[in-house]
Amino acid sequence: MLVSISIIVGYGWLLFFTEWALLLIQLTLIIAVAAVLGVVAWIGCTLATTPPPKPVEEIEKEIRHGLETLEKEEHQEEGKQEN
C-alpha cells in the first residue's frame, strides 16, 4: 500500500510540477489504449479459436446411453447377488 501511495504522489508531482507533464500524459494514454486493445484482441482470439459447443441433442443422447449402461450394470450386479 505504501508503494502504491508513493507512486501516486510521484505521478502527481511529475504531472503538475515538472516539464515532463506532456510526455507523462502521452505515455499514460498509450499504455491505457494498448491495455484495452490488448484485452479486446485476446477476447477476439479466444472467440475465434474456441470450437462451438456440442448440440443439445448429442449431449442428451450421451446421457441416455450412460444411464442405460448404468442400469444394465445394476441389473447384472443384482443377478449376481441373487445367485
PDB file of N, CA and C in Angstrom:
ATOM      1  N   MET A   1       0.829  -1.188   0.000  1.00  0.00           N
ATOM      2  CA  MET A   1       0.000   0.000   0.000  1.00  0.00           C
ATOM      3  C   MET A   1       0.873   1.251   0.000  1.00  0.00           C
ATOM      4  N   LEU A   2       1.954   1.180   0.734  1.00  0.00           N
ATOM      5  CA  LEU A   2       2.861   2.320   0.795  1.00  0.00           C
ATOM      6  C   LEU A   2       3.502   2.586  -0.572  1.00  0.00           C
ATOM      7  N   VAL A   3       3.807   1.529  -1.294  1.00  0.00           N
ATOM      8  CA  VAL A   3       4.393   1.676  -2.632  1.00  0.00           C
ATOM      9  C   VAL A   3       3.387   2.342  -3.572  1.00  0.00           C
ATOM     10  N   SER A   4       2.126   1.903  -3.497  1.00  0.00           N
ATOM     11  CA  SER A   4       1.092   2.490  -4.360  1.00  0.00           C
ATOM     12  C   SER A   4       0.908   3.973  -4.075  1.00  0.00           C
ATOM     13  N   ILE A   5       0.860   4.325  -2.811  1.00  0.00           N
ATOM     14  CA  ILE A   5       0.705   5.744  -2.448  1.00  0.00           C
ATOM     15  C   ILE A   5       1.906   6.544  -2.921  1.00  0.00           C
ATOM     16  N   SER A   6       3.092   5.976  -2.797  1.00  0.00           N
ATOM     17  CA  SER A   6       4.302   6.675  -3.262  1.00  0.00           C
ATOM     18  C   SER A   6       4.263   6.904  -4.771  1.00  0.00           C
ATOM     19  N   ILE A   7       3.795   5.892  -5.511  1.00  0.00           N
ATOM     20  CA  ILE A   7       3.702   6.034  -6.969  1.00  0.00           C
ATOM     21  C   ILE A   7       2.671   7.099  -7.330  1.00  0.00           C
ATOM     22  N   ILE A   8       1.554   7.129  -6.631  1.00  0.00           N
ATOM     23  CA  ILE A   8       0.526   8.145  -6.896  1.00  0.00           C
ATOM     24  C   ILE A   8       1.082   9.538  -6.636  1.00  0.00           C
ATOM     25  N   VAL A   9       1.770   9.712  -5.524  1.00  0.00           N
ATOM     26  CA  VAL A   9       2.349  11.020  -5.195  1.00  0.00           C
ATOM     27  C   VAL A   9       3.404  11.397  -6.239  1.00  0.00           C
ATOM     28  N   GLY A  10       4.255  10.448  -6.615  1.00  0.00           N
ATOM     29  CA  GLY A  10       5.272  10.724  -7.627  1.00  0.00           C
ATOM     30  C   GLY A  10       4.669  11.070  -8.980  1.00  0.00           C
ATOM     31  N   TYR A  11       3.618  10.357  -9.342  1.00  0.00           N
ATOM     32  CA  TYR A  11       2.930  10.633 -10.605  1.00  0.00           C
ATOM     33  C   TYR A  11       2.334  12.041 -10.589  1.00  0.00           C
ATOM     34  N   GLY A  12       1.674  12.388  -9.492  1.00  0.00           N
ATOM     35  CA  GLY A  12       1.096  13.735  -9.362  1.00  0.00           C
ATOM     36  C   GLY A  12       2.152  14.814  -9.412  1.00  0.00           C
ATOM     37  N   TRP A  13       3.271  14.558  -8.741  1.00  0.00           N
ATOM     38  CA  TRP A  13       4.345  15.546  -8.746  1.00  0.00           C
ATOM     39  C   TRP A  13       4.897  15.732 -10.160  1.00  0.00           C
ATOM     40  N   LEU A  14       5.141  14.596 -10.862  1.00  0.00           N
ATOM     41  CA  LEU A  14       5.639  14.686 -12.245  1.00  0.00           C
ATOM     42  C   LEU A  14       4.634  15.386 -13.158  1.00  0.00           C
ATOM     43  N   LEU A  15       3.364  15.134 -12.924  1.00  0.00           N
ATOM     44  CA  LEU A  15       2.319  15.684 -13.791  1.00  0.00           C
ATOM     45  C   LEU A  15       2.134  17.188 -13.599  1.00  0.00           C
ATOM     46  N   PHE A  16       2.208  17.656 -12.352  1.00  0.00           N
ATOM     47  CA  PHE A  16       1.872  19.055 -12.092  1.00  0.00           C
ATOM     48  C   PHE A  16       3.063  19.981 -11.847  1.00  0.00           C
ATOM     49  N   PHE A  17       4.219  19.440 -11.498  1.00  0.00           N
ATOM     50  CA  PHE A  17       5.310  20.320 -11.097  1.00  0.00           C
ATOM     51  C   PHE A  17       6.589  20.178 -11.914  1.00  0.00           C
ATOM     52  N   THR A  18       6.540  19.450 -13.024  1.00  0.00           N
ATOM     53  CA  THR A  18       7.740  19.328 -13.855  1.00  0.00           C
ATOM     54  C   THR A  18       7.383  19.606 -15.313  1.00  0.00           C
ATOM     55  N   GLU A  19       8.422  19.715 -16.136  1.00  0.00           N
ATOM     56  CA  GLU A  19       8.206  19.928 -17.569  1.00  0.00           C
ATOM     57  C   GLU A  19       7.908  18.619 -18.299  1.00  0.00           C
ATOM     58  N   TRP A  20       7.831  17.506 -17.576  1.00  0.00           N
ATOM     59  CA  TRP A  20       7.574  16.195 -18.162  1.00  0.00           C
ATOM     60  C   TRP A  20       6.084  15.890 -18.263  1.00  0.00           C
ATOM     61  N   ALA A  21       5.228  16.824 -17.970  1.00  0.00           N
ATOM     62  CA  ALA A  21       3.789  16.577 -17.910  1.00  0.00           C
ATOM     63  C   ALA A  21       3.228  16.068 -19.245  1.00  0.00           C
ATOM     64  N   LEU A  22       3.578  16.700 -20.343  1.00  0.00           N
ATOM     65  CA  LEU A  22       3.051  16.280 -21.638  1.00  0.00           C
ATOM     66  C   LEU A  22       3.495  14.862 -21.990  1.00  0.00           C
ATOM     67  N   LEU A  23       4.769  14.565 -21.787  1.00  0.00           N
ATOM     68  CA  LEU A  23       5.268  13.219 -22.057  1.00  0.00           C
ATOM     69  C   LEU A  23       4.603  12.193 -21.145  1.00  0.00           C
ATOM     70  N   LEU A  24       4.391  12.553 -19.885  1.00  0.00           N
ATOM     71  CA  LEU A  24       3.749  11.651 -18.936  1.00  0.00           C
ATOM     72  C   LEU A  24       2.310  11.347 -19.358  1.00  0.00           C
ATOM     73  N   ILE A  25       1.589  12.356 -19.805  1.00  0.00           N
ATOM     74  CA  ILE A  25       0.212  12.148 -20.283  1.00  0.00           C
ATOM     75  C   ILE A  25       0.212  11.258 -21.525  1.00  0.00           C
ATOM     76  N   GLN A  26       1.128  11.519 -22.435  1.00  0.00           N
ATOM     77  CA  GLN A  26       1.206  10.704 -23.646  1.00  0.00           C
ATOM     78  C   GLN A  26       1.528   9.242 -23.321  1.00  0.00           C
ATOM     79  N   LEU A  27       2.478   9.018 -22.432  1.00  0.00           N
ATOM     80  CA  LEU A  27       2.816   7.646 -22.046  1.00  0.00           C
ATOM     81  C   LEU A  27       1.644   6.954 -21.351  1.00  0.00           C
ATOM     82  N   THR A  28       0.967   7.681 -20.480  1.00  0.00           N
ATOM     83  CA  THR A  28      -0.189   7.114 -19.778  1.00  0.00           C
ATOM     84  C   THR A  28      -1.277   6.716 -20.761  1.00  0.00           C
ATOM     85  N   LEU A  29      -1.554   7.569 -21.725  1.00  0.00           N
ATOM     86  CA  LEU A  29      -2.592   7.273 -22.707  1.00  0.00           C
ATOM     87  C   LEU A  29      -2.224   6.095 -23.599  1.00  0.00           C
ATOM     88  N   ILE A  30      -0.983   6.018 -24.045  1.00  0.00           N
ATOM     89  CA  ILE A  30      -0.602   4.907 -24.924  1.00  0.00           C
ATOM     90  C   ILE A  30      -0.642   3.592 -24.160  1.00  0.00           C
ATOM     91  N   ILE A  31      -0.252   3.605 -22.888  1.00  0.00           N
ATOM     92  CA  ILE A  31      -0.317   2.387 -22.084  1.00  0.00           C
ATOM     93  C   ILE A  31      -1.769   1.966 -21.869  1.00  0.00           C
ATOM     94  N   ALA A  32      -2.647   2.933 -21.582  1.00  0.00           N
ATOM     95  CA  ALA A  32      -4.066   2.617 -21.361  1.00  0.00           C
ATOM     96  C   ALA A  32      -4.716   2.078 -22.636  1.00  0.00           C
ATOM     97  N   VAL A  33      -4.453   2.718 -23.757  1.00  0.00           N
ATOM     98  CA  VAL A  33      -5.037   2.277 -25.028  1.00  0.00           C
ATOM     99  C   VAL A  33      -4.498   0.897 -25.403  1.00  0.00           C
ATOM    100  N   ALA A  34      -3.210   0.683 -25.221  1.00  0.00           N
ATOM    101  CA  ALA A  34      -2.621  -0.620 -25.539  1.00  0.00           C
ATOM    102  C   ALA A  34      -3.212  -1.716 -24.658  1.00  0.00           C
ATOM    103  N   ALA A  35      -3.448  -1.411 -23.382  1.00  0.00           N
ATOM    104  CA  ALA A  35      -4.029  -2.405 -22.480  1.00  0.00           C
ATOM    105  C   ALA A  35      -5.452  -2.764 -22.899  1.00  0.00           C
ATOM    106  N   VAL A  36      -6.262  -1.760 -23.207  1.00  0.00           N
ATOM    107  CA  VAL A  36      -7.646  -2.014 -23.616  1.00  0.00           C
ATOM    108  C   VAL A  36      -7.682  -2.796 -24.927  1.00  0.00           C
ATOM    109  N   LEU A  37      -6.907  -2.377 -25.899  1.00  0.00           N
ATOM    110  CA  LEU A  37      -6.906  -3.069 -27.183  1.00  0.00           C
ATOM    111  C   LEU A  37      -6.295  -4.464 -27.078  1.00  0.00           C
ATOM    112  N   GLY A  38      -5.341  -4.646 -26.164  1.00  0.00           N
ATOM    113  CA  GLY A  38      -4.789  -5.971 -25.924  1.00  0.00           C
ATOM    114  C   GLY A  38      -5.842  -6.923 -25.386  1.00  0.00           C
ATOM    115  N   VAL A  39      -6.668  -6.433 -24.458  1.00  0.00           N
ATOM    116  CA  VAL A  39      -7.752  -7.255 -23.916  1.00  0.00           C
ATOM    117  C   VAL A  39      -8.771  -7.573 -25.006  1.00  0.00           C
ATOM    118  N   VAL A  40      -9.112  -6.603 -25.821  1.00  0.00           N
ATOM    119  CA  VAL A  40     -10.058  -6.825 -26.921  1.00  0.00           C
ATOM    120  C   VAL A  40      -9.501  -7.857 -27.902  1.00  0.00           C
ATOM    121  N   ALA A  41      -8.220  -7.759 -28.229  1.00  0.00           N
ATOM    122  CA  ALA A  41      -7.600  -8.726 -29.143  1.00  0.00           C
ATOM    123  C   ALA A  41      -7.599 -10.126 -28.533  1.00  0.00           C
ATOM    124  N   TRP A  42      -7.312 -10.219 -27.236  1.00  0.00           N
ATOM    125  CA  TRP A  42      -7.295 -11.517 -26.558  1.00  0.00           C
ATOM    126  C   TRP A  42      -8.686 -12.158 -26.574  1.00  0.00           C
ATOM    127  N   ILE A  43      -9.715 -11.356 -26.290  1.00  0.00           N
ATOM    128  CA  ILE A  43     -11.089 -11.872 -26.321  1.00  0.00           C
ATOM    129  C   ILE A  43     -11.451 -12.307 -27.743  1.00  0.00           C
ATOM    130  N   GLY A  44     -11.098 -11.512 -28.737  1.00  0.00           N
ATOM    131  CA  GLY A  44     -11.386 -11.866 -30.125  1.00  0.00           C
ATOM    132  C   GLY A  44     -10.680 -13.143 -30.552  1.00  0.00           C
ATOM    133  N   CYS A  45      -9.430 -13.292 -30.154  1.00  0.00           N
ATOM    134  CA  CYS A  45      -8.681 -14.506 -30.485  1.00  0.00           C
ATOM    135  C   CYS A  45      -9.312 -15.724 -29.811  1.00  0.00           C
ATOM    136  N   THR A  46      -9.724 -15.560 -28.562  1.00  0.00           N
ATOM    137  CA  THR A  46     -10.372 -16.659 -27.836  1.00  0.00           C
ATOM    138  C   THR A  46     -11.680 -17.048 -28.509  1.00  0.00           C
ATOM    139  N   LEU A  47     -12.464 -16.070 -28.909  1.00  0.00           N
ATOM    140  CA  LEU A  47     -13.731 -16.359 -29.588  1.00  0.00           C
ATOM    141  C   LEU A  47     -13.498 -17.037 -30.941  1.00  0.00           C
ATOM    142  N   ALA A  48     -12.461 -16.615 -31.634  1.00  0.00           N
ATOM    143  CA  ALA A  48     -12.203 -17.166 -32.969  1.00  0.00           C
ATOM    144  C   ALA A  48     -11.658 -18.592 -32.911  1.00  0.00           C
ATOM    145  N   THR A  49     -10.938 -18.952 -31.862  1.00  0.00           N
ATOM    146  CA  THR A  49     -10.295 -20.253 -31.818  1.00  0.00           C
ATOM    147  C   THR A  49     -11.020 -21.286 -30.957  1.00  0.00           C
ATOM    148  N   THR A  50     -12.049 -20.883 -30.231  1.00  0.00           N
ATOM    149  CA  THR A  50     -12.794 -21.829 -29.400  1.00  0.00           C
ATOM    150  C   THR A  50     -13.786 -22.591 -30.263  1.00  0.00           C
ATOM    151  N   PRO A  51     -13.767 -23.916 -30.200  1.00  0.00           N
ATOM    152  CA  PRO A  51     -14.709 -24.687 -31.010  1.00  0.00           C
ATOM    153  C   PRO A  51     -16.137 -24.514 -30.501  1.00  0.00           C
ATOM    154  N   PRO A  52     -17.113 -24.649 -31.375  1.00  0.00           N
ATOM    155  CA  PRO A  52     -18.503 -24.491 -30.938  1.00  0.00           C
ATOM    156  C   PRO A  52     -18.901 -25.640 -30.017  1.00  0.00           C
ATOM    157  N   PRO A  53     -19.856 -25.406 -29.128  1.00  0.00           N
ATOM    158  CA  PRO A  53     -20.287 -26.473 -28.225  1.00  0.00           C
ATOM    159  C   PRO A  53     -21.072 -27.549 -28.969  1.00  0.00           C
ATOM    160  N   LYS A  54     -21.176 -28.729 -28.337  1.00  0.00           N
ATOM    161  CA  LYS A  54     -21.956 -29.813 -28.929  1.00  0.00           C
ATOM    162  C   LYS A  54     -23.429 -29.424 -28.931  1.00  0.00           C
ATOM    163  N   PRO A  55     -24.187 -29.920 -29.905  1.00  0.00           N
ATOM    164  CA  PRO A  55     -25.631 -29.677 -29.883  1.00  0.00           C
ATOM    165  C   PRO A  55     -26.260 -30.377 -28.669  1.00  0.00           C
ATOM    166  N   VAL A  56     -27.337 -29.819 -28.179  1.00  0.00           N
ATOM    167  CA  VAL A  56     -28.015 -30.358 -27.006  1.00  0.00           C
ATOM    168  C   VAL A  56     -28.482 -31.790 -27.260  1.00  0.00           C
ATOM    169  N   GLU A  57     -28.930 -32.068 -28.466  1.00  0.00           N
ATOM    170  CA  GLU A  57     -29.409 -33.416 -28.788  1.00  0.00           C
ATOM    171  C   GLU A  57     -28.307 -34.453 -28.599  1.00  0.00           C
ATOM    172  N   GLU A  58     -27.091 -34.105 -28.992  1.00  0.00           N
ATOM    173  CA  GLU A  58     -25.975 -35.044 -28.865  1.00  0.00           C
ATOM    174  C   GLU A  58     -25.643 -35.284 -27.391  1.00  0.00           C
ATOM    175  N   ILE A  59     -25.692 -34.244 -26.588  1.00  0.00           N
ATOM    176  CA  ILE A  59     -25.428 -34.386 -25.160  1.00  0.00           C
ATOM    177  C   ILE A  59     -26.500 -35.257 -24.511  1.00  0.00           C
ATOM    178  N   GLU A  60     -27.773 -35.034 -24.888  1.00  0.00           N
ATOM    179  CA  GLU A  60     -28.860 -35.850 -24.345  1.00  0.00           C
ATOM    180  C   GLU A  60     -28.674 -37.317 -24.719  1.00  0.00           C
ATOM    181  N   LYS A  61     -28.248 -37.576 -25.951  1.00  0.00           N
ATOM    182  CA  LYS A  61     -28.022 -38.944 -26.407  1.00  0.00           C
ATOM    183  C   LYS A  61     -26.925 -39.611 -25.562  1.00  0.00           C
ATOM    184  N   GLU A  62     -25.844 -38.883 -25.299  1.00  0.00           N
ATOM    185  CA  GLU A  62     -24.762 -39.429 -24.480  1.00  0.00           C
ATOM    186  C   GLU A  62     -25.239 -39.726 -23.056  1.00  0.00           C
ATOM    187  N   ILE A  63     -26.052 -38.839 -22.501  1.00  0.00           N
ATOM    188  CA  ILE A  63     -26.569 -39.051 -21.143  1.00  0.00           C
ATOM    189  C   ILE A  63     -27.478 -40.274 -21.110  1.00  0.00           C
ATOM    190  N   ARG A  64     -28.366 -40.393 -22.097  1.00  0.00           N
ATOM    191  CA  ARG A  64     -29.258 -41.563 -22.159  1.00  0.00           C
ATOM    192  C   ARG A  64     -28.454 -42.858 -22.264  1.00  0.00           C
ATOM    193  N   HIS A  65     -27.427 -42.844 -23.102  1.00  0.00           N
ATOM    194  CA  HIS A  65     -26.585 -44.029 -23.277  1.00  0.00           C
ATOM    195  C   HIS A  65     -25.885 -44.376 -21.956  1.00  0.00           C
ATOM    196  N   GLY A  66     -25.391 -43.375 -21.271  1.00  0.00           N
ATOM    197  CA  GLY A  66     -24.731 -43.606 -19.987  1.00  0.00           C
ATOM    198  C   GLY A  66     -25.680 -44.167 -18.953  1.00  0.00           C
ATOM    199  N   LEU A  67     -26.913 -43.640 -18.908  1.00  0.00           N
ATOM    200  CA  LEU A  67     -27.909 -44.149 -17.967  1.00  0.00           C
ATOM    201  C   LEU A  67     -28.284 -45.594 -18.286  1.00  0.00           C
ATOM    202  N   GLU A  68     -28.438 -45.895 -19.568  1.00  0.00           N
ATOM    203  CA  GLU A  68     -28.760 -47.277 -19.956  1.00  0.00           C
ATOM    204  C   GLU A  68     -27.641 -48.224 -19.551  1.00  0.00           C
ATOM    205  N   THR A  69     -26.404 -47.803 -19.736  1.00  0.00           N
ATOM    206  CA  THR A  69     -25.262 -48.627 -19.352  1.00  0.00           C
ATOM    207  C   THR A  69     -25.261 -48.871 -17.844  1.00  0.00           C
ATOM    208  N   LEU A  70     -25.530 -47.822 -17.059  1.00  0.00           N
ATOM    209  CA  LEU A  70     -25.574 -47.976 -15.611  1.00  0.00           C
ATOM    210  C   LEU A  70     -26.696 -48.909 -15.181  1.00  0.00           C
ATOM    211  N   GLU A  71     -27.863 -48.779 -15.809  1.00  0.00           N
ATOM    212  CA  GLU A  71     -28.984 -49.647 -15.462  1.00  0.00           C
ATOM    213  C   GLU A  71     -28.664 -51.105 -15.781  1.00  0.00           C
ATOM    214  N   LYS A  72     -28.024 -51.369 -16.921  1.00  0.00           N
ATOM    215  CA  LYS A  72     -27.640 -52.738 -17.270  1.00  0.00           C
ATOM    216  C   LYS A  72     -26.657 -53.296 -16.245  1.00  0.00           C
ATOM    217  N   GLU A  73     -25.688 -52.483 -15.832  1.00  0.00           N
ATOM    218  CA  GLU A  73     -24.711 -52.935 -14.841  1.00  0.00           C
ATOM    219  C   GLU A  73     -25.389 -53.231 -13.506  1.00  0.00           C
ATOM    220  N   GLU A  74     -26.358 -52.409 -13.114  1.00  0.00           N
ATOM    221  CA  GLU A  74     -27.076 -52.646 -11.861  1.00  0.00           C
ATOM    222  C   GLU A  74     -27.857 -53.955 -11.921  1.00  0.00           C
ATOM    223  N   HIS A  75     -28.513 -54.196 -13.042  1.00  0.00           N
ATOM    224  CA  HIS A  75     -29.272 -55.440 -13.196  1.00  0.00           C
ATOM    225  C   HIS A  75     -28.345 -56.654 -13.159  1.00  0.00           C
ATOM    226  N   GLN A  76     -27.166 -56.526 -13.761  1.00  0.00           N
ATOM    227  CA  GLN A  76     -26.217 -57.639 -13.748  1.00  0.00           C
ATOM    228  C   GLN A  76     -25.704 -57.886 -12.330  1.00  0.00           C
ATOM    229  N   GLU A  77     -25.456 -56.825 -11.581  1.00  0.00           N
ATOM    230  CA  GLU A  77     -24.985 -56.984 -10.208  1.00  0.00           C
ATOM    231  C   GLU A  77     -26.067 -57.590  -9.316  1.00  0.00           C
ATOM    232  N   GLU A  78     -27.326 -57.168  -9.524  1.00  0.00           N
ATOM    233  CA  GLU A  78     -28.429 -57.743  -8.755  1.00  0.00           C
ATOM    234  C   GLU A  78     -28.576 -59.235  -9.054  1.00  0.00           C
ATOM    235  N   GLY A  79     -28.390 -59.612 -10.298  1.00  0.00           N
ATOM    236  CA  GLY A  79     -28.461 -61.017 -10.694  1.00  0.00           C
ATOM    237  C   GLY A  79     -27.372 -61.840 -10.045  1.00  0.00           C
ATOM    238  N   LYS A  80     -26.168 -61.276  -9.929  1.00  0.00           N
ATOM    239  CA  LYS A  80     -25.058 -61.976  -9.311  1.00  0.00           C
ATOM    240  C   LYS A  80     -25.282 -62.125  -7.804  1.00  0.00           C
ATOM    241  N   GLN A  81     -25.859 -61.111  -7.195  1.00  0.00           N
ATOM    242  CA  GLN A  81     -26.090 -61.163  -5.740  1.00  0.00           C
ATOM    243  C   GLN A  81     -27.173 -62.179  -5.400  1.00  0.00           C
ATOM    244  N   GLU A  82     -28.157 -62.381  -6.247  1.00  0.00           N
ATOM    245  CA  GLU A  82     -29.224 -63.348  -6.005  1.00  0.00           C
ATOM    246  C   GLU A  82     -28.714 -64.774  -6.103  1.00  0.00           C
ATOM    247  N   ASN A  83     -27.721 -65.011  -6.933  1.00  0.00           N
ATOM    248  CA  ASN A  83     -27.188 -66.376  -7.119  1.00  0.00           C
ATOM    249  C   ASN A  83     -26.268 -66.743  -6.030  1.00  0.00           C
TER     250      ASN A  83
END
